[in-house]
Amino acid sequence: MRLSVSIALLCALAGCTEPADPAANLDLHRLPTTVTLSLGQTVEVAGTVVGFEGVNSDSRCASDLICVWAGNAEVRITIGPAVGEGPTYLVTLNTTLEPRNSDEVHGLVVTLVNLLPNPVSTETTRHYRAVIRIERAP
Protein backbone atom coordinates (compact mmCIF):
# COMPACT_ATOMS: atom_id res chain seq x y z
CA MET A 1 0.00 0.00 0.00
CA ARG A 2 2.78 2.42 0.91
CA LEU A 3 4.55 1.73 -2.37
CA SER A 4 1.51 2.59 -4.51
CA VAL A 5 0.89 5.76 -2.48
CA SER A 6 4.56 6.73 -2.84
CA ILE A 7 4.48 6.20 -6.61
CA ALA A 8 1.28 8.23 -6.96
CA LEU A 9 2.78 11.02 -4.83
CA LEU A 10 5.99 11.09 -6.89
CA CYS A 11 3.99 11.32 -10.11
CA ALA A 12 1.88 14.14 -8.70
CA LEU A 13 4.98 16.04 -7.56
CA ALA A 14 6.63 15.57 -10.95
CA GLY A 15 3.63 17.10 -12.71
CA CYS A 16 2.99 14.05 -14.87
CA THR A 17 0.33 14.26 -17.54
CA GLU A 18 0.59 10.80 -19.03
CA PRO A 19 4.05 9.46 -18.24
CA ALA A 20 5.56 7.38 -21.00
CA ASP A 21 7.15 4.13 -19.96
CA PRO A 22 10.51 3.71 -21.78
CA ALA A 23 9.04 0.63 -23.44
CA ALA A 24 5.61 2.16 -24.08
CA ASN A 25 4.06 1.15 -27.37
CA LEU A 26 1.06 3.17 -28.52
CA ASP A 27 -1.38 2.01 -31.16
CA LEU A 28 -2.44 4.41 -33.93
CA HIS A 29 -6.01 4.08 -32.64
CA ARG A 30 -4.93 5.77 -29.38
CA LEU A 31 -3.85 8.90 -31.26
CA PRO A 32 -3.89 11.76 -30.73
CA THR A 33 -2.27 11.47 -27.33
CA THR A 34 -0.10 13.59 -25.07
CA VAL A 35 2.88 12.07 -23.29
CA THR A 36 5.48 13.43 -20.90
CA LEU A 37 9.03 12.27 -21.64
CA SER A 38 12.07 12.74 -19.42
CA LEU A 39 15.48 13.32 -21.00
CA GLY A 40 16.51 10.22 -22.94
CA GLN A 41 13.08 8.62 -22.70
CA THR A 42 11.21 7.31 -25.75
CA VAL A 43 7.76 6.11 -26.71
CA GLU A 44 6.93 3.85 -29.65
CA VAL A 45 3.95 4.63 -31.85
CA ALA A 46 3.07 1.96 -34.41
CA GLY A 47 6.69 1.15 -35.25
CA THR A 48 8.01 4.71 -34.94
CA VAL A 49 10.06 5.79 -31.92
CA VAL A 50 9.73 9.34 -30.60
CA GLY A 51 12.36 10.41 -28.07
CA PHE A 52 13.31 13.45 -26.00
CA GLU A 53 17.02 14.00 -26.73
CA GLY A 54 17.69 17.22 -24.87
CA VAL A 55 17.44 20.97 -24.52
CA ASN A 56 19.75 23.06 -26.72
CA SER A 57 18.93 26.31 -24.96
CA ASP A 58 16.47 27.69 -22.46
CA SER A 59 16.02 31.45 -22.19
CA ARG A 60 12.42 31.34 -20.97
CA CYS A 61 11.41 33.98 -18.45
CA ALA A 62 11.81 32.69 -14.90
CA SER A 63 8.51 32.12 -13.11
CA ASP A 64 9.52 34.45 -10.27
CA LEU A 65 10.35 37.39 -12.57
CA ILE A 66 8.43 39.82 -14.76
CA CYS A 67 9.92 39.88 -18.25
CA VAL A 68 9.37 41.94 -21.38
CA TRP A 69 9.71 38.80 -23.55
CA ALA A 70 8.60 35.24 -22.73
CA GLY A 71 11.92 33.83 -23.93
CA ASN A 72 12.40 30.56 -25.79
CA ALA A 73 13.45 26.99 -25.20
CA GLU A 74 14.88 24.89 -28.03
CA VAL A 75 14.25 21.16 -27.67
CA ARG A 76 15.70 18.17 -29.59
CA ILE A 77 13.29 15.35 -30.47
CA THR A 78 14.27 12.21 -32.38
CA ILE A 79 11.81 10.38 -34.62
CA GLY A 80 12.70 7.14 -36.36
CA PRO A 81 11.80 3.53 -37.03
CA ALA A 82 11.70 1.15 -34.06
CA VAL A 83 13.31 -1.63 -36.11
CA GLY A 84 14.42 -2.13 -39.66
CA GLU A 85 15.71 0.38 -42.09
CA GLY A 86 15.05 4.03 -42.41
CA PRO A 87 16.55 7.23 -41.14
CA THR A 88 16.14 8.70 -37.69
CA TYR A 89 15.40 12.40 -37.82
CA LEU A 90 16.56 14.93 -35.26
CA VAL A 91 13.87 17.61 -35.00
CA THR A 92 14.42 20.92 -33.24
CA LEU A 93 11.27 22.47 -31.82
CA ASN A 94 10.91 25.81 -30.07
CA THR A 95 8.48 27.13 -27.53
CA THR A 96 8.19 30.56 -29.20
CA LEU A 97 10.69 31.02 -32.08
CA GLU A 98 10.76 29.38 -35.53
CA PRO A 99 10.83 26.51 -36.30
CA ARG A 100 7.79 26.56 -34.11
CA ASN A 101 6.52 23.78 -31.92
CA SER A 102 5.54 20.99 -34.35
CA ASP A 103 6.89 18.93 -37.22
CA GLU A 104 5.72 16.02 -39.37
CA VAL A 105 7.94 12.95 -39.74
CA HIS A 106 7.19 9.28 -40.53
CA GLY A 107 3.45 9.96 -40.80
CA LEU A 108 3.22 11.55 -37.36
CA VAL A 109 2.84 15.16 -36.29
CA VAL A 110 4.85 15.78 -33.13
CA THR A 111 4.07 18.96 -31.19
CA LEU A 112 5.96 20.37 -28.22
CA VAL A 113 3.16 21.35 -25.83
CA ASN A 114 5.33 22.40 -22.89
CA LEU A 115 8.79 22.09 -21.41
CA LEU A 116 8.91 21.45 -17.68
CA PRO A 117 9.91 22.64 -15.20
CA ASN A 118 9.53 26.36 -15.66
CA PRO A 119 12.78 28.15 -14.84
CA VAL A 120 13.28 29.92 -11.51
CA SER A 121 15.83 32.75 -11.34
CA THR A 122 17.58 31.43 -8.22
CA GLU A 123 18.01 27.83 -9.43
CA THR A 124 19.60 25.92 -12.28
CA THR A 125 16.88 24.14 -14.25
CA ARG A 126 17.32 20.37 -14.07
CA HIS A 127 15.34 17.24 -14.78
CA TYR A 128 13.67 18.54 -17.92
CA ARG A 129 10.48 16.87 -19.14
CA ALA A 130 8.95 17.49 -22.55
CA VAL A 131 5.18 17.35 -22.88
CA ILE A 132 4.61 16.12 -26.43
CA ARG A 133 1.41 15.64 -28.41
CA ILE A 134 1.56 12.90 -31.04
CA GLU A 135 -1.04 12.57 -33.79
CA ARG A 136 -1.40 11.09 -37.23
CA ALA A 137 -0.40 13.28 -40.15
CA PRO A 138 -3.37 14.46 -42.22
C-alpha atoms as a PDB file:
ATOM      1  CA  MET A   1       0.000   0.000   0.000  1.00  0.00           C
ATOM      2  CA  ARG A   2       2.785   2.425   0.913  1.00  0.00           C
ATOM      3  CA  LEU A   3       4.554   1.733  -2.375  1.00  0.00           C
ATOM      4  CA  SER A   4       1.510   2.593  -4.513  1.00  0.00           C
ATOM      5  CA  VAL A   5       0.886   5.759  -2.480  1.00  0.00           C
ATOM      6  CA  SER A   6       4.560   6.730  -2.839  1.00  0.00           C
ATOM      7  CA  ILE A   7       4.478   6.201  -6.606  1.00  0.00           C
ATOM      8  CA  ALA A   8       1.281   8.229  -6.957  1.00  0.00           C
ATOM      9  CA  LEU A   9       2.777  11.022  -4.835  1.00  0.00           C
ATOM     10  CA  LEU A  10       5.989  11.086  -6.891  1.00  0.00           C
ATOM     11  CA  CYS A  11       3.993  11.319 -10.105  1.00  0.00           C
ATOM     12  CA  ALA A  12       1.883  14.145  -8.700  1.00  0.00           C
ATOM     13  CA  LEU A  13       4.978  16.040  -7.561  1.00  0.00           C
ATOM     14  CA  ALA A  14       6.632  15.571 -10.953  1.00  0.00           C
ATOM     15  CA  GLY A  15       3.633  17.103 -12.713  1.00  0.00           C
ATOM     16  CA  CYS A  16       2.990  14.054 -14.869  1.00  0.00           C
ATOM     17  CA  THR A  17       0.331  14.258 -17.537  1.00  0.00           C
ATOM     18  CA  GLU A  18       0.593  10.803 -19.030  1.00  0.00           C
ATOM     19  CA  PRO A  19       4.051   9.460 -18.243  1.00  0.00           C
ATOM     20  CA  ALA A  20       5.558   7.376 -21.001  1.00  0.00           C
ATOM     21  CA  ASP A  21       7.149   4.134 -19.965  1.00  0.00           C
ATOM     22  CA  PRO A  22      10.508   3.714 -21.778  1.00  0.00           C
ATOM     23  CA  ALA A  23       9.040   0.627 -23.442  1.00  0.00           C
ATOM     24  CA  ALA A  24       5.611   2.157 -24.077  1.00  0.00           C
ATOM     25  CA  ASN A  25       4.061   1.150 -27.372  1.00  0.00           C
ATOM     26  CA  LEU A  26       1.059   3.169 -28.522  1.00  0.00           C
ATOM     27  CA  ASP A  27      -1.380   2.006 -31.160  1.00  0.00           C
ATOM     28  CA  LEU A  28      -2.436   4.413 -33.926  1.00  0.00           C
ATOM     29  CA  HIS A  29      -6.008   4.081 -32.642  1.00  0.00           C
ATOM     30  CA  ARG A  30      -4.931   5.768 -29.383  1.00  0.00           C
ATOM     31  CA  LEU A  31      -3.855   8.896 -31.258  1.00  0.00           C
ATOM     32  CA  PRO A  32      -3.890  11.765 -30.730  1.00  0.00           C
ATOM     33  CA  THR A  33      -2.267  11.466 -27.328  1.00  0.00           C
ATOM     34  CA  THR A  34      -0.105  13.587 -25.074  1.00  0.00           C
ATOM     35  CA  VAL A  35       2.885  12.068 -23.286  1.00  0.00           C
ATOM     36  CA  THR A  36       5.483  13.429 -20.896  1.00  0.00           C
ATOM     37  CA  LEU A  37       9.030  12.273 -21.639  1.00  0.00           C
ATOM     38  CA  SER A  38      12.070  12.738 -19.416  1.00  0.00           C
ATOM     39  CA  LEU A  39      15.482  13.321 -21.002  1.00  0.00           C
ATOM     40  CA  GLY A  40      16.507  10.220 -22.938  1.00  0.00           C
ATOM     41  CA  GLN A  41      13.077   8.618 -22.697  1.00  0.00           C
ATOM     42  CA  THR A  42      11.207   7.310 -25.749  1.00  0.00           C
ATOM     43  CA  VAL A  43       7.757   6.113 -26.715  1.00  0.00           C
ATOM     44  CA  GLU A  44       6.933   3.853 -29.654  1.00  0.00           C
ATOM     45  CA  VAL A  45       3.949   4.630 -31.846  1.00  0.00           C
ATOM     46  CA  ALA A  46       3.071   1.963 -34.411  1.00  0.00           C
ATOM     47  CA  GLY A  47       6.692   1.154 -35.249  1.00  0.00           C
ATOM     48  CA  THR A  48       8.008   4.712 -34.939  1.00  0.00           C
ATOM     49  CA  VAL A  49      10.057   5.786 -31.924  1.00  0.00           C
ATOM     50  CA  VAL A  50       9.727   9.345 -30.597  1.00  0.00           C
ATOM     51  CA  GLY A  51      12.357  10.407 -28.073  1.00  0.00           C
ATOM     52  CA  PHE A  52      13.314  13.445 -26.003  1.00  0.00           C
ATOM     53  CA  GLU A  53      17.016  14.000 -26.726  1.00  0.00           C
ATOM     54  CA  GLY A  54      17.686  17.224 -24.868  1.00  0.00           C
ATOM     55  CA  VAL A  55      17.439  20.967 -24.525  1.00  0.00           C
ATOM     56  CA  ASN A  56      19.754  23.056 -26.718  1.00  0.00           C
ATOM     57  CA  SER A  57      18.934  26.314 -24.958  1.00  0.00           C
ATOM     58  CA  ASP A  58      16.468  27.690 -22.456  1.00  0.00           C
ATOM     59  CA  SER A  59      16.017  31.446 -22.191  1.00  0.00           C
ATOM     60  CA  ARG A  60      12.421  31.345 -20.968  1.00  0.00           C
ATOM     61  CA  CYS A  61      11.414  33.976 -18.447  1.00  0.00           C
ATOM     62  CA  ALA A  62      11.805  32.687 -14.898  1.00  0.00           C
ATOM     63  CA  SER A  63       8.506  32.117 -13.112  1.00  0.00           C
ATOM     64  CA  ASP A  64       9.519  34.449 -10.272  1.00  0.00           C
ATOM     65  CA  LEU A  65      10.350  37.394 -12.566  1.00  0.00           C
ATOM     66  CA  ILE A  66       8.434  39.817 -14.764  1.00  0.00           C
ATOM     67  CA  CYS A  67       9.919  39.877 -18.252  1.00  0.00           C
ATOM     68  CA  VAL A  68       9.375  41.937 -21.384  1.00  0.00           C
ATOM     69  CA  TRP A  69       9.705  38.797 -23.545  1.00  0.00           C
ATOM     70  CA  ALA A  70       8.599  35.238 -22.726  1.00  0.00           C
ATOM     71  CA  GLY A  71      11.916  33.830 -23.931  1.00  0.00           C
ATOM     72  CA  ASN A  72      12.399  30.563 -25.794  1.00  0.00           C
ATOM     73  CA  ALA A  73      13.453  26.989 -25.201  1.00  0.00           C
ATOM     74  CA  GLU A  74      14.884  24.895 -28.035  1.00  0.00           C
ATOM     75  CA  VAL A  75      14.252  21.160 -27.666  1.00  0.00           C
ATOM     76  CA  ARG A  76      15.697  18.175 -29.587  1.00  0.00           C
ATOM     77  CA  ILE A  77      13.285  15.353 -30.467  1.00  0.00           C
ATOM     78  CA  THR A  78      14.269  12.205 -32.382  1.00  0.00           C
ATOM     79  CA  ILE A  79      11.807  10.385 -34.617  1.00  0.00           C
ATOM     80  CA  GLY A  80      12.698   7.145 -36.362  1.00  0.00           C
ATOM     81  CA  PRO A  81      11.798   3.532 -37.030  1.00  0.00           C
ATOM     82  CA  ALA A  82      11.697   1.147 -34.063  1.00  0.00           C
ATOM     83  CA  VAL A  83      13.309  -1.635 -36.107  1.00  0.00           C
ATOM     84  CA  GLY A  84      14.422  -2.135 -39.658  1.00  0.00           C
ATOM     85  CA  GLU A  85      15.711   0.377 -42.088  1.00  0.00           C
ATOM     86  CA  GLY A  86      15.046   4.033 -42.414  1.00  0.00           C
ATOM     87  CA  PRO A  87      16.549   7.229 -41.141  1.00  0.00           C
ATOM     88  CA  THR A  88      16.136   8.696 -37.695  1.00  0.00           C
ATOM     89  CA  TYR A  89      15.398  12.403 -37.817  1.00  0.00           C
ATOM     90  CA  LEU A  90      16.559  14.933 -35.257  1.00  0.00           C
ATOM     91  CA  VAL A  91      13.870  17.611 -35.005  1.00  0.00           C
ATOM     92  CA  THR A  92      14.418  20.917 -33.245  1.00  0.00           C
ATOM     93  CA  LEU A  93      11.273  22.470 -31.816  1.00  0.00           C
ATOM     94  CA  ASN A  94      10.915  25.811 -30.073  1.00  0.00           C
ATOM     95  CA  THR A  95       8.481  27.131 -27.531  1.00  0.00           C
ATOM     96  CA  THR A  96       8.193  30.560 -29.204  1.00  0.00           C
ATOM     97  CA  LEU A  97      10.688  31.018 -32.083  1.00  0.00           C
ATOM     98  CA  GLU A  98      10.765  29.379 -35.530  1.00  0.00           C
ATOM     99  CA  PRO A  99      10.831  26.509 -36.299  1.00  0.00           C
ATOM    100  CA  ARG A 100       7.786  26.559 -34.108  1.00  0.00           C
ATOM    101  CA  ASN A 101       6.521  23.783 -31.916  1.00  0.00           C
ATOM    102  CA  SER A 102       5.539  20.987 -34.345  1.00  0.00           C
ATOM    103  CA  ASP A 103       6.886  18.925 -37.221  1.00  0.00           C
ATOM    104  CA  GLU A 104       5.716  16.023 -39.369  1.00  0.00           C
ATOM    105  CA  VAL A 105       7.938  12.952 -39.736  1.00  0.00           C
ATOM    106  CA  HIS A 106       7.189   9.283 -40.528  1.00  0.00           C
ATOM    107  CA  GLY A 107       3.445   9.963 -40.804  1.00  0.00           C
ATOM    108  CA  LEU A 108       3.222  11.545 -37.360  1.00  0.00           C
ATOM    109  CA  VAL A 109       2.838  15.157 -36.287  1.00  0.00           C
ATOM    110  CA  VAL A 110       4.853  15.783 -33.130  1.00  0.00           C
ATOM    111  CA  THR A 111       4.071  18.956 -31.193  1.00  0.00           C
ATOM    112  CA  LEU A 112       5.960  20.373 -28.223  1.00  0.00           C
ATOM    113  CA  VAL A 113       3.163  21.346 -25.828  1.00  0.00           C
ATOM    114  CA  ASN A 114       5.330  22.404 -22.895  1.00  0.00           C
ATOM    115  CA  LEU A 115       8.786  22.095 -21.408  1.00  0.00           C
ATOM    116  CA  LEU A 116       8.908  21.450 -17.681  1.00  0.00           C
ATOM    117  CA  PRO A 117       9.907  22.640 -15.196  1.00  0.00           C
ATOM    118  CA  ASN A 118       9.526  26.358 -15.662  1.00  0.00           C
ATOM    119  CA  PRO A 119      12.783  28.153 -14.840  1.00  0.00           C
ATOM    120  CA  VAL A 120      13.283  29.921 -11.513  1.00  0.00           C
ATOM    121  CA  SER A 121      15.827  32.755 -11.343  1.00  0.00           C
ATOM    122  CA  THR A 122      17.576  31.430  -8.221  1.00  0.00           C
ATOM    123  CA  GLU A 123      18.007  27.827  -9.432  1.00  0.00           C
ATOM    124  CA  THR A 124      19.601  25.916 -12.279  1.00  0.00           C
ATOM    125  CA  THR A 125      16.884  24.142 -14.251  1.00  0.00           C
ATOM    126  CA  ARG A 126      17.315  20.370 -14.073  1.00  0.00           C
ATOM    127  CA  HIS A 127      15.336  17.244 -14.783  1.00  0.00           C
ATOM    128  CA  TYR A 128      13.668  18.544 -17.920  1.00  0.00           C
ATOM    129  CA  ARG A 129      10.482  16.874 -19.144  1.00  0.00           C
ATOM    130  CA  ALA A 130       8.947  17.493 -22.546  1.00  0.00           C
ATOM    131  CA  VAL A 131       5.176  17.349 -22.877  1.00  0.00           C
ATOM    132  CA  ILE A 132       4.612  16.124 -26.431  1.00  0.00           C
ATOM    133  CA  ARG A 133       1.414  15.642 -28.415  1.00  0.00           C
ATOM    134  CA  ILE A 134       1.557  12.899 -31.045  1.00  0.00           C
ATOM    135  CA  GLU A 135      -1.037  12.567 -33.789  1.00  0.00           C
ATOM    136  CA  ARG A 136      -1.400  11.089 -37.228  1.00  0.00           C
ATOM    137  CA  ALA A 137      -0.399  13.276 -40.150  1.00  0.00           C
ATOM    138  CA  PRO A 138      -3.366  14.456 -42.223  1.00  0.00           C
END
